[in-house]
PDB file of N, CA and C in Angstrom:
ATOM      1  N   MET A   1      22.587  -4.444   6.523  1.00  0.00           N
ATOM      2  CA  MET A   1      21.612  -4.828   5.672  1.00  0.00           C
ATOM      3  C   MET A   1      20.754  -3.625   5.171  1.00  0.00           C
ATOM      4  N   ALA A   2      20.766  -3.330   3.754  1.00  0.00           N
ATOM      5  CA  ALA A   2      20.179  -2.309   3.503  1.00  0.00           C
ATOM      6  C   ALA A   2      18.537  -1.935   3.903  1.00  0.00           C
ATOM      7  N   MET A   3      18.267  -0.673   4.154  1.00  0.00           N
ATOM      8  CA  MET A   3      16.876  -0.269   4.326  1.00  0.00           C
ATOM      9  C   MET A   3      16.112   0.312   3.232  1.00  0.00           C
ATOM     10  N   LYS A   4      15.345   0.169   2.750  1.00  0.00           N
ATOM     11  CA  LYS A   4      14.547   1.269   1.807  1.00  0.00           C
ATOM     12  C   LYS A   4      13.360   1.939   2.279  1.00  0.00           C
ATOM     13  N   PHE A   5      13.782   3.171   1.788  1.00  0.00           N
ATOM     14  CA  PHE A   5      12.628   4.160   2.476  1.00  0.00           C
ATOM     15  C   PHE A   5      12.103   4.986   1.048  1.00  0.00           C
ATOM     16  N   LYS A   6      10.779   5.014   0.937  1.00  0.00           N
ATOM     17  CA  LYS A   6      10.141   6.017   0.147  1.00  0.00           C
ATOM     18  C   LYS A   6       8.970   6.821   0.443  1.00  0.00           C
ATOM     19  N   THR A   7       9.447   7.915  -0.135  1.00  0.00           N
ATOM     20  CA  THR A   7       8.742   9.003   0.215  1.00  0.00           C
ATOM     21  C   THR A   7       7.874   9.956  -0.945  1.00  0.00           C
ATOM     22  N   THR A   8       6.201   9.796  -0.656  1.00  0.00           N
ATOM     23  CA  THR A   8       5.791  10.498  -1.486  1.00  0.00           C
ATOM     24  C   THR A   8       4.733  11.371  -0.803  1.00  0.00           C
ATOM     25  N   SER A   9       4.802  12.382  -1.604  1.00  0.00           N
ATOM     26  CA  SER A   9       4.001  13.863  -1.429  1.00  0.00           C
ATOM     27  C   SER A   9       2.934  13.915  -1.960  1.00  0.00           C
ATOM     28  N   TYR A  10       1.827  14.223  -1.628  1.00  0.00           N
ATOM     29  CA  TYR A  10       0.454  14.454  -2.257  1.00  0.00           C
ATOM     30  C   TYR A  10       0.331  15.631  -1.875  1.00  0.00           C
ATOM     31  N   ALA A  11      -0.290  16.482  -3.123  1.00  0.00           N
ATOM     32  CA  ALA A  11      -0.923  18.196  -2.873  1.00  0.00           C
ATOM     33  C   ALA A  11      -1.520  18.746  -1.854  1.00  0.00           C
ATOM     34  N   ASN A  12      -2.860  17.840  -1.808  1.00  0.00           N
ATOM     35  CA  ASN A  12      -3.740  17.765  -0.715  1.00  0.00           C
ATOM     36  C   ASN A  12      -4.357  16.903  -0.296  1.00  0.00           C
ATOM     37  N   LYS A  13      -4.768  17.220   0.853  1.00  0.00           N
ATOM     38  CA  LYS A  13      -5.269  15.944   1.841  1.00  0.00           C
ATOM     39  C   LYS A  13      -6.584  16.143   1.477  1.00  0.00           C
ATOM     40  N   THR A  14      -7.392  15.070   1.496  1.00  0.00           N
ATOM     41  CA  THR A  14      -8.964  15.163   1.429  1.00  0.00           C
ATOM     42  C   THR A  14      -9.528  15.187   3.115  1.00  0.00           C
ATOM     43  N   GLU A  15      -9.989  16.305   3.580  1.00  0.00           N
ATOM     44  CA  GLU A  15     -10.783  16.168   4.539  1.00  0.00           C
ATOM     45  C   GLU A  15     -12.264  15.888   4.721  1.00  0.00           C
ATOM     46  N   ILE A  16     -12.332  14.626   5.479  1.00  0.00           N
ATOM     47  CA  ILE A  16     -14.147  14.203   4.872  1.00  0.00           C
ATOM     48  C   ILE A  16     -14.682  14.755   6.511  1.00  0.00           C
ATOM     49  N   LEU A  17     -14.018  14.984   7.447  1.00  0.00           N
ATOM     50  CA  LEU A  17     -14.846  15.213   8.797  1.00  0.00           C
ATOM     51  C   LEU A  17     -15.457  16.508   8.823  1.00  0.00           C
ATOM     52  N   MET A  18     -16.631  16.458   9.397  1.00  0.00           N
ATOM     53  CA  MET A  18     -17.285  17.760   9.485  1.00  0.00           C
ATOM     54  C   MET A  18     -16.674  18.759  10.859  1.00  0.00           C
ATOM     55  N   PHE A  19     -16.362  17.787  11.665  1.00  0.00           N
ATOM     56  CA  PHE A  19     -15.819  18.728  12.789  1.00  0.00           C
ATOM     57  C   PHE A  19     -14.287  18.085  13.208  1.00  0.00           C
ATOM     58  N   PRO A  20     -13.192  18.399  12.715  1.00  0.00           N
ATOM     59  CA  PRO A  20     -11.894  17.722  12.721  1.00  0.00           C
ATOM     60  C   PRO A  20     -11.345  17.554  14.073  1.00  0.00           C
ATOM     61  N   ASP A  21     -11.987  18.358  15.318  1.00  0.00           N
ATOM     62  CA  ASP A  21     -11.799  17.914  16.702  1.00  0.00           C
ATOM     63  C   ASP A  21     -12.604  16.984  17.339  1.00  0.00           C
ATOM     64  N   HIS A  22     -13.524  16.195  16.577  1.00  0.00           N
ATOM     65  CA  HIS A  22     -14.211  15.312  17.375  1.00  0.00           C
ATOM     66  C   HIS A  22     -14.374  14.192  16.613  1.00  0.00           C
ATOM     67  N   TYR A  23     -13.598  13.252  16.480  1.00  0.00           N
ATOM     68  CA  TYR A  23     -13.584  12.060  15.837  1.00  0.00           C
ATOM     69  C   TYR A  23     -12.799  10.717  17.115  1.00  0.00           C
ATOM     70  N   VAL A  24     -13.108   9.576  16.591  1.00  0.00           N
ATOM     71  CA  VAL A  24     -12.199   8.566  17.120  1.00  0.00           C
ATOM     72  C   VAL A  24     -11.772   7.474  15.561  1.00  0.00           C
ATOM     73  N   ALA A  25     -10.453   7.195  15.834  1.00  0.00           N
ATOM     74  CA  ALA A  25      -9.794   6.201  14.850  1.00  0.00           C
ATOM     75  C   ALA A  25      -9.102   5.313  15.435  1.00  0.00           C
ATOM     76  N   GLU A  26      -9.333   4.314  14.801  1.00  0.00           N
ATOM     77  CA  GLU A  26      -8.158   3.286  15.311  1.00  0.00           C
ATOM     78  C   GLU A  26      -7.515   2.961  14.101  1.00  0.00           C
ATOM     79  N   ALA A  27      -6.028   2.219  14.596  1.00  0.00           N
ATOM     80  CA  ALA A  27      -4.837   1.736  13.718  1.00  0.00           C
ATOM     81  C   ALA A  27      -5.534   0.765  12.776  1.00  0.00           C
ATOM     82  N   HIS A  28      -5.118   0.512  11.451  1.00  0.00           N
ATOM     83  CA  HIS A  28      -5.597  -0.707  11.063  1.00  0.00           C
ATOM     84  C   HIS A  28      -4.576  -0.953   9.491  1.00  0.00           C
ATOM     85  N   THR A  29      -4.033  -2.205   9.542  1.00  0.00           N
ATOM     86  CA  THR A  29      -3.417  -2.283   8.276  1.00  0.00           C
ATOM     87  C   THR A  29      -4.152  -2.749   7.417  1.00  0.00           C
ATOM     88  N   PHE A  30      -3.853  -2.253   6.124  1.00  0.00           N
ATOM     89  CA  PHE A  30      -4.704  -2.513   4.808  1.00  0.00           C
ATOM     90  C   PHE A  30      -3.619  -3.256   4.296  1.00  0.00           C
ATOM     91  N   LEU A  31      -4.153  -4.242   3.362  1.00  0.00           N
ATOM     92  CA  LEU A  31      -3.392  -5.409   2.371  1.00  0.00           C
ATOM     93  C   LEU A  31      -3.234  -4.681   1.080  1.00  0.00           C
ATOM     94  N   GLN A  32      -1.981  -5.174   0.551  1.00  0.00           N
ATOM     95  CA  GLN A  32      -2.078  -4.892  -0.510  1.00  0.00           C
ATOM     96  C   GLN A  32      -2.726  -4.901  -1.778  1.00  0.00           C
ATOM     97  N   ASN A  33      -3.531  -6.661  -1.491  1.00  0.00           N
ATOM     98  CA  ASN A  33      -4.316  -7.036  -2.669  1.00  0.00           C
ATOM     99  C   ASN A  33      -5.811  -6.716  -1.838  1.00  0.00           C
ATOM    100  N   ASP A  34      -6.306  -5.652  -0.896  1.00  0.00           N
ATOM    101  CA  ASP A  34      -7.361  -5.490  -0.389  1.00  0.00           C
ATOM    102  C   ASP A  34      -8.675  -5.046  -1.831  1.00  0.00           C
ATOM    103  N   ALA A  35      -9.665  -5.319  -1.604  1.00  0.00           N
ATOM    104  CA  ALA A  35     -10.521  -5.104  -2.617  1.00  0.00           C
ATOM    105  C   ALA A  35     -10.956  -3.634  -2.582  1.00  0.00           C
ATOM    106  N   ALA A  36     -10.562  -3.123  -1.431  1.00  0.00           N
ATOM    107  CA  ALA A  36     -11.224  -1.686  -1.806  1.00  0.00           C
ATOM    108  C   ALA A  36      -9.987  -0.266  -2.613  1.00  0.00           C
ATOM    109  N   ALA A  37      -8.873  -0.962  -2.542  1.00  0.00           N
ATOM    110  CA  ALA A  37      -7.847  -0.406  -3.226  1.00  0.00           C
ATOM    111  C   ALA A  37      -8.430  -0.176  -4.916  1.00  0.00           C
ATOM    112  N   VAL A  38      -8.118   1.084  -5.267  1.00  0.00           N
ATOM    113  CA  VAL A  38      -8.151   1.165  -6.536  1.00  0.00           C
ATOM    114  C   VAL A  38      -7.005   1.982  -7.133  1.00  0.00           C
ATOM    115  N   THR A  39      -6.572   1.846  -8.444  1.00  0.00           N
ATOM    116  CA  THR A  39      -5.655   2.201  -9.074  1.00  0.00           C
ATOM    117  C   THR A  39      -5.794   3.383  -9.713  1.00  0.00           C
ATOM    118  N   GLU A  40      -4.865   4.404  -9.251  1.00  0.00           N
ATOM    119  CA  GLU A  40      -4.656   5.868  -9.469  1.00  0.00           C
ATOM    120  C   GLU A  40      -3.344   6.308 -10.228  1.00  0.00           C
ATOM    121  N   ASN A  41      -3.306   6.878 -11.142  1.00  0.00           N
ATOM    122  CA  ASN A  41      -1.798   7.126 -11.719  1.00  0.00           C
ATOM    123  C   ASN A  41      -0.518   6.264 -11.179  1.00  0.00           C
ATOM    124  N   GLY A  42      -1.091   4.449 -11.477  1.00  0.00           N
ATOM    125  CA  GLY A  42      -0.094   3.529 -11.246  1.00  0.00           C
ATOM    126  C   GLY A  42       0.326   3.384  -9.891  1.00  0.00           C
ATOM    127  N   HIS A  43      -0.581   4.174  -9.203  1.00  0.00           N
ATOM    128  CA  HIS A  43      -0.713   3.851  -7.367  1.00  0.00           C
ATOM    129  C   HIS A  43      -1.922   3.064  -7.226  1.00  0.00           C
ATOM    130  N   LYS A  44      -1.914   1.804  -6.179  1.00  0.00           N
ATOM    131  CA  LYS A  44      -3.130   1.318  -5.432  1.00  0.00           C
ATOM    132  C   LYS A  44      -3.209   1.971  -4.346  1.00  0.00           C
ATOM    133  N   ILE A  45      -4.249   2.570  -4.206  1.00  0.00           N
ATOM    134  CA  ILE A  45      -4.762   3.631  -3.322  1.00  0.00           C
ATOM    135  C   ILE A  45      -6.404   3.008  -2.658  1.00  0.00           C
ATOM    136  N   ILE A  46      -6.374   3.249  -1.522  1.00  0.00           N
ATOM    137  CA  ILE A  46      -7.114   2.961  -0.652  1.00  0.00           C
ATOM    138  C   ILE A  46      -7.570   4.583  -0.230  1.00  0.00           C
ATOM    139  N   LYS A  47      -8.741   4.879  -0.795  1.00  0.00           N
ATOM    140  CA  LYS A  47      -9.214   6.138  -0.553  1.00  0.00           C
ATOM    141  C   LYS A  47      -9.768   6.795   0.550  1.00  0.00           C
ATOM    142  N   ALA A  48      -9.339   8.125   0.972  1.00  0.00           N
ATOM    143  CA  ALA A  48      -9.885   8.461   2.541  1.00  0.00           C
ATOM    144  C   ALA A  48     -11.410   8.458   1.975  1.00  0.00           C
ATOM    145  N   GLY A  49     -12.047   8.463   2.751  1.00  0.00           N
ATOM    146  CA  GLY A  49     -13.953   8.361   2.690  1.00  0.00           C
ATOM    147  C   GLY A  49     -14.339   7.038   2.017  1.00  0.00           C
ATOM    148  N   THR A  50     -13.493   6.035   2.117  1.00  0.00           N
ATOM    149  CA  THR A  50     -13.888   4.908   1.685  1.00  0.00           C
ATOM    150  C   THR A  50     -14.541   4.004   2.834  1.00  0.00           C
ATOM    151  N   ILE A  51     -15.855   3.827   2.633  1.00  0.00           N
ATOM    152  CA  ILE A  51     -16.519   2.797   3.749  1.00  0.00           C
ATOM    153  C   ILE A  51     -15.739   1.342   3.831  1.00  0.00           C
ATOM    154  N   TYR A  52     -15.239   0.790   4.783  1.00  0.00           N
ATOM    155  CA  TYR A  52     -14.733  -0.134   4.590  1.00  0.00           C
ATOM    156  C   TYR A  52     -14.856  -1.217   5.697  1.00  0.00           C
ATOM    157  N   PRO A  53     -14.781  -2.719   5.673  1.00  0.00           N
ATOM    158  CA  PRO A  53     -14.109  -3.251   4.402  1.00  0.00           C
ATOM    159  C   PRO A  53     -15.188  -3.122   2.896  1.00  0.00           C
ATOM    160  N   ALA A  54     -16.451  -2.547   3.191  1.00  0.00           N
ATOM    161  CA  ALA A  54     -17.279  -2.644   2.077  1.00  0.00           C
ATOM    162  C   ALA A  54     -18.301  -1.811   2.424  1.00  0.00           C
ATOM    163  N   ASN A  55     -18.839  -1.311   1.380  1.00  0.00           N
ATOM    164  CA  ASN A  55     -19.983  -0.372   1.566  1.00  0.00           C
ATOM    165  C   ASN A  55     -21.543  -0.859   1.653  1.00  0.00           C
ATOM    166  N   GLY A  56     -21.882  -1.499   2.835  1.00  0.00           N
ATOM    167  CA  GLY A  56     -22.731  -2.541   3.339  1.00  0.00           C
ATOM    168  C   GLY A  56     -22.868  -2.500   4.784  1.00  0.00           C
ATOM    169  N   ALA A  57     -23.521  -3.741   4.879  1.00  0.00           N
ATOM    170  CA  ALA A  57     -23.776  -4.274   6.215  1.00  0.00           C
ATOM    171  C   ALA A  57     -22.381  -4.761   6.966  1.00  0.00           C
ATOM    172  N   THR A  58     -21.461  -5.047   6.467  1.00  0.00           N
ATOM    173  CA  THR A  58     -20.064  -5.204   6.837  1.00  0.00           C
ATOM    174  C   THR A  58     -19.279  -4.097   6.937  1.00  0.00           C
ATOM    175  N   ALA A  59     -19.610  -3.025   6.987  1.00  0.00           N
ATOM    176  CA  ALA A  59     -18.457  -1.641   7.809  1.00  0.00           C
ATOM    177  C   ALA A  59     -18.275  -1.550   8.674  1.00  0.00           C
ATOM    178  N   VAL A  60     -17.082  -1.405   8.929  1.00  0.00           N
ATOM    179  CA  VAL A  60     -16.757  -1.290  10.414  1.00  0.00           C
ATOM    180  C   VAL A  60     -16.317   0.221  10.693  1.00  0.00           C
ATOM    181  N   GLY A  61     -15.788   1.180   9.331  1.00  0.00           N
ATOM    182  CA  GLY A  61     -15.460   2.048   9.772  1.00  0.00           C
ATOM    183  C   GLY A  61     -15.450   2.935   8.789  1.00  0.00           C
ATOM    184  N   VAL A  62     -14.657   4.215   8.341  1.00  0.00           N
ATOM    185  CA  VAL A  62     -14.308   4.663   7.216  1.00  0.00           C
ATOM    186  C   VAL A  62     -12.981   5.176   7.041  1.00  0.00           C
ATOM    187  N   VAL A  63     -12.077   5.014   5.935  1.00  0.00           N
ATOM    188  CA  VAL A  63     -10.632   5.215   5.810  1.00  0.00           C
ATOM    189  C   VAL A  63     -10.481   6.727   6.170  1.00  0.00           C
ATOM    190  N   PHE A  64      -9.513   7.195   7.222  1.00  0.00           N
ATOM    191  CA  PHE A  64      -9.526   8.426   7.426  1.00  0.00           C
ATOM    192  C   PHE A  64      -8.953   9.232   6.576  1.00  0.00           C
ATOM    193  N   GLN A  65      -7.642   8.521   5.608  1.00  0.00           N
ATOM    194  CA  GLN A  65      -6.603   9.382   4.956  1.00  0.00           C
ATOM    195  C   GLN A  65      -6.185   8.168   3.722  1.00  0.00           C
ATOM    196  N   ASP A  66      -5.808   8.793   2.420  1.00  0.00           N
ATOM    197  CA  ASP A  66      -5.639   8.294   1.328  1.00  0.00           C
ATOM    198  C   ASP A  66      -4.509   7.110   2.294  1.00  0.00           C
ATOM    199  N   VAL A  67      -4.176   5.809   1.858  1.00  0.00           N
ATOM    200  CA  VAL A  67      -3.409   4.416   2.122  1.00  0.00           C
ATOM    201  C   VAL A  67      -2.988   4.186   0.848  1.00  0.00           C
ATOM    202  N   ASP A  68      -1.799   4.254   0.466  1.00  0.00           N
ATOM    203  CA  ASP A  68      -1.072   4.180  -0.559  1.00  0.00           C
ATOM    204  C   ASP A  68      -0.473   2.418  -0.265  1.00  0.00           C
ATOM    205  N   VAL A  69      -0.880   1.293  -1.321  1.00  0.00           N
ATOM    206  CA  VAL A  69      -0.948  -0.042  -0.842  1.00  0.00           C
ATOM    207  C   VAL A  69       0.060  -0.872  -2.114  1.00  0.00           C
ATOM    208  N   THR A  70       0.566   0.243  -3.234  1.00  0.00           N
ATOM    209  CA  THR A  70       1.280  -0.304  -4.320  1.00  0.00           C
ATOM    210  C   THR A  70       2.686  -1.025  -3.536  1.00  0.00           C
ATOM    211  N   ASP A  71       3.244  -0.821  -2.761  1.00  0.00           N
ATOM    212  CA  ASP A  71       4.508  -1.360  -2.563  1.00  0.00           C
ATOM    213  C   ASP A  71       4.239  -2.595  -1.554  1.00  0.00           C
ATOM    214  N   GLY A  72       2.996  -2.898  -1.099  1.00  0.00           N
ATOM    215  CA  GLY A  72       2.812  -3.560  -0.053  1.00  0.00           C
ATOM    216  C   GLY A  72       1.858  -3.182   1.418  1.00  0.00           C
ATOM    217  N   ASP A  73       1.479  -3.866   1.995  1.00  0.00           N
ATOM    218  CA  ASP A  73       0.619  -4.016   3.170  1.00  0.00           C
ATOM    219  C   ASP A  73       1.447  -2.354   3.911  1.00  0.00           C
ATOM    220  N   ALA A  74       0.158  -1.629   4.550  1.00  0.00           N
ATOM    221  CA  ALA A  74       0.224  -0.405   4.872  1.00  0.00           C
ATOM    222  C   ALA A  74      -0.827   0.159   5.700  1.00  0.00           C
ATOM    223  N   SER A  75      -0.021   0.814   6.646  1.00  0.00           N
ATOM    224  CA  SER A  75      -0.672   1.197   8.172  1.00  0.00           C
ATOM    225  C   SER A  75      -1.517   2.211   8.164  1.00  0.00           C
ATOM    226  N   GLY A  76      -2.976   2.527   8.278  1.00  0.00           N
ATOM    227  CA  GLY A  76      -3.828   3.460   8.237  1.00  0.00           C
ATOM    228  C   GLY A  76      -4.691   3.850   9.484  1.00  0.00           C
ATOM    229  N   ALA A  77      -5.439   4.457   9.296  1.00  0.00           N
ATOM    230  CA  ALA A  77      -6.400   4.750  10.324  1.00  0.00           C
ATOM    231  C   ALA A  77      -8.203   4.424   9.900  1.00  0.00           C
ATOM    232  N   LEU A  78      -8.872   4.172  10.784  1.00  0.00           N
ATOM    233  CA  LEU A  78     -10.139   3.771  10.555  1.00  0.00           C
ATOM    234  C   LEU A  78     -11.001   4.458  11.383  1.00  0.00           C
ATOM    235  N   ILE A  79     -11.931   5.430  10.675  1.00  0.00           N
ATOM    236  CA  ILE A  79     -12.808   6.522  11.600  1.00  0.00           C
ATOM    237  C   ILE A  79     -13.858   5.397  12.289  1.00  0.00           C
ATOM    238  N   VAL A  80     -13.903   5.563  13.777  1.00  0.00           N
ATOM    239  CA  VAL A  80     -15.216   4.702  14.013  1.00  0.00           C
ATOM    240  C   VAL A  80     -16.429   5.085  14.776  1.00  0.00           C
ATOM    241  N   HIS A  81     -16.025   6.766  15.211  1.00  0.00           N
ATOM    242  CA  HIS A  81     -16.918   7.500  15.646  1.00  0.00           C
ATOM    243  C   HIS A  81     -16.773   8.748  15.119  1.00  0.00           C
ATOM    244  N   GLY A  82     -17.640   9.456  14.864  1.00  0.00           N
ATOM    245  CA  GLY A  82     -17.557  10.867  14.483  1.00  0.00           C
ATOM    246  C   GLY A  82     -18.501  11.196  13.282  1.00  0.00           C
ATOM    247  N   PHE A  83     -18.334  12.507  12.763  1.00  0.00           N
ATOM    248  CA  PHE A  83     -18.926  13.283  11.865  1.00  0.00           C
ATOM    249  C   PHE A  83     -18.399  13.576  10.717  1.00  0.00           C
ATOM    250  N   ILE A  84     -19.197  12.829   9.474  1.00  0.00           N
ATOM    251  CA  ILE A  84     -18.329  13.000   8.590  1.00  0.00           C
ATOM    252  C   ILE A  84     -19.264  13.536   7.353  1.00  0.00           C
ATOM    253  N   ASP A  85     -18.656  14.675   6.292  1.00  0.00           N
ATOM    254  CA  ASP A  85     -19.240  14.827   5.176  1.00  0.00           C
ATOM    255  C   ASP A  85     -19.307  14.087   4.096  1.00  0.00           C
ATOM    256  N   ALA A  86     -20.744  13.599   4.051  1.00  0.00           N
ATOM    257  CA  ALA A  86     -21.115  12.625   2.883  1.00  0.00           C
ATOM    258  C   ALA A  86     -20.710  13.001   1.872  1.00  0.00           C
ATOM    259  N   THR A  87     -20.448  14.127   1.254  1.00  0.00           N
ATOM    260  CA  THR A  87     -20.209  15.105   0.215  1.00  0.00           C
ATOM    261  C   THR A  87     -18.817  14.910  -0.558  1.00  0.00           C
ATOM    262  N   LYS A  88     -18.048  14.350   0.406  1.00  0.00           N
ATOM    263  CA  LYS A  88     -16.702  14.399  -0.015  1.00  0.00           C
ATOM    264  C   LYS A  88     -16.044  12.685   0.197  1.00  0.00           C
ATOM    265  N   LEU A  89     -16.924  12.005   0.097  1.00  0.00           N
ATOM    266  CA  LEU A  89     -17.032  10.464  -0.192  1.00  0.00           C
ATOM    267  C   LEU A  89     -16.490  10.202  -1.227  1.00  0.00           C
ATOM    268  N   PRO A  90     -16.002   9.040  -1.668  1.00  0.00           N
ATOM    269  CA  PRO A  90     -15.784   8.377  -3.035  1.00  0.00           C
ATOM    270  C   PRO A  90     -17.371   7.559  -3.693  1.00  0.00           C
ATOM    271  N   ALA A  91     -18.012   7.315  -2.566  1.00  0.00           N
ATOM    272  CA  ALA A  91     -19.412   6.879  -3.097  1.00  0.00           C
ATOM    273  C   ALA A  91     -20.343   7.136  -1.476  1.00  0.00           C
ATOM    274  N   GLU A  92     -21.444   7.489  -2.149  1.00  0.00           N
ATOM    275  CA  GLU A  92     -22.525   7.927  -1.114  1.00  0.00           C
ATOM    276  C   GLU A  92     -22.580   6.173  -0.244  1.00  0.00           C
ATOM    277  N   PRO A  93     -22.649   6.828   1.144  1.00  0.00           N
ATOM    278  CA  PRO A  93     -22.854   5.384   2.074  1.00  0.00           C
ATOM    279  C   PRO A  93     -24.719   4.807   2.052  1.00  0.00           C
ATOM    280  N   GLU A  94     -24.336   3.606   1.902  1.00  0.00           N
ATOM    281  CA  GLU A  94     -25.765   2.620   1.822  1.00  0.00           C
ATOM    282  C   GLU A  94     -26.191   2.865   3.144  1.00  0.00           C
ATOM    283  N   ALA A  95     -27.745   2.370   2.911  1.00  0.00           N
ATOM    284  CA  ALA A  95     -28.201   2.501   4.185  1.00  0.00           C
ATOM    285  C   ALA A  95     -27.861   1.204   5.012  1.00  0.00           C
ATOM    286  N   ALA A  96     -27.607   0.199   4.608  1.00  0.00           N
ATOM    287  CA  ALA A  96     -26.774  -1.129   5.233  1.00  0.00           C
ATOM    288  C   ALA A  96     -25.731  -0.625   6.172  1.00  0.00           C
ATOM    289  N   ALA A  97     -24.579   0.225   5.284  1.00  0.00           N
ATOM    290  CA  ALA A  97     -23.407   0.478   5.802  1.00  0.00           C
ATOM    291  C   ALA A  97     -23.697   1.596   6.926  1.00  0.00           C
ATOM    292  N   GLN A  98     -24.765   2.807   6.720  1.00  0.00           N
ATOM    293  CA  GLN A  98     -24.805   3.735   7.852  1.00  0.00           C
ATOM    294  C   GLN A  98     -25.565   2.827   8.887  1.00  0.00           C
ATOM    295  N   THR A  99     -26.458   1.710   9.029  1.00  0.00           N
ATOM    296  CA  THR A  99     -26.780   1.265   9.869  1.00  0.00           C
ATOM    297  C   THR A  99     -25.758   0.570  10.612  1.00  0.00           C
ATOM    298  N   ALA A 100     -24.810   0.207   9.912  1.00  0.00           N
ATOM    299  CA  ALA A 100     -23.637  -0.765  10.846  1.00  0.00           C
ATOM    300  C   ALA A 100     -22.940   0.084  11.344  1.00  0.00           C
ATOM    301  N   LEU A 101     -22.469   1.420  11.321  1.00  0.00           N
ATOM    302  CA  LEU A 101     -21.758   2.323  11.659  1.00  0.00           C
ATOM    303  C   LEU A 101     -22.716   3.537  12.582  1.00  0.00           C
ATOM    304  N   LYS A 102     -22.591   2.870  13.499  1.00  0.00           N
ATOM    305  CA  LYS A 102     -23.841   2.923  14.691  1.00  0.00           C
ATOM    306  C   LYS A 102     -22.989   4.723  15.197  1.00  0.00           C
ATOM    307  N   LEU A 103     -22.186   4.903  15.361  1.00  0.00           N
ATOM    308  CA  LEU A 103     -21.363   6.035  16.073  1.00  0.00           C
ATOM    309  C   LEU A 103     -20.530   6.947  14.896  1.00  0.00           C
ATOM    310  N   ILE A 104     -21.045   6.644  13.935  1.00  0.00           N
ATOM    311  CA  ILE A 104     -20.651   7.878  12.680  1.00  0.00           C
ATOM    312  C   ILE A 104     -22.266   8.407  12.033  1.00  0.00           C
ATOM    313  N   LYS A 105     -21.921   9.683  12.103  1.00  0.00           N
ATOM    314  CA  LYS A 105     -23.007  10.446  11.605  1.00  0.00           C
ATOM    315  C   LYS A 105     -22.530  11.365  10.482  1.00  0.00           C
ATOM    316  N   PHE A 106     -23.310  10.599   9.248  1.00  0.00           N
ATOM    317  CA  PHE A 106     -22.942  11.381   7.996  1.00  0.00           C
ATOM    318  C   PHE A 106     -23.702  12.529   7.324  1.00  0.00           C
ATOM    319  N   TYR A 107     -23.233  13.452   7.232  1.00  0.00           N
ATOM    320  CA  TYR A 107     -23.938  14.905   6.997  1.00  0.00           C
ATOM    321  C   TYR A 107     -24.061  14.999   5.475  1.00  0.00           C
ATOM    322  N   ASN A 108     -24.984  15.333   4.563  1.00  0.00           N
ATOM    323  CA  ASN A 108     -24.980  15.674   3.346  1.00  0.00           C
ATOM    324  C   ASN A 108     -25.526  17.276   3.153  1.00  0.00           C
ATOM    325  N   LEU A 109     -24.961  18.120   3.207  1.00  0.00           N
ATOM    326  CA  LEU A 109     -25.143  19.481   3.314  1.00  0.00           C
ATOM    327  C   LEU A 109     -25.943  20.051   1.933  1.00  0.00           C
ATOM    328  N   THR A 110     -25.172  18.981   0.604  1.00  0.00           N
ATOM    329  CA  THR A 110     -25.773  19.827  -0.573  1.00  0.00           C
ATOM    330  C   THR A 110     -27.237  19.263  -0.783  1.00  0.00           C
ATOM    331  N   ALA A 111     -27.672  18.185  -0.240  1.00  0.00           N
ATOM    332  CA  ALA A 111     -29.115  17.801  -0.294  1.00  0.00           C
ATOM    333  C   ALA A 111     -30.466  19.011   0.245  1.00  0.00           C
TER     334      ALA A 111
END
């Protein structure tokens, strides 16, 4: 049985945390057909900072790092507690999402 490995290197990691030493994340399996995925340079990516599964009352966490689901389901992490720099998110958190994410504090230092 042959095993297939694929390695992808990204130049920079998006750091969405205000305080990198204070957060709680839980493991999550992101599906290849996930609605949160965007196509970028031929890859399906769930971007770091995406409020998941949607930017609204159903939010359960924030995607910690980019997750590539181009070739199938992939493991990643959801931040469920911590302090996040809202200026680095792909979209501004809606009020309903902020209410749903009770243990996450969003900072917007440019406002």
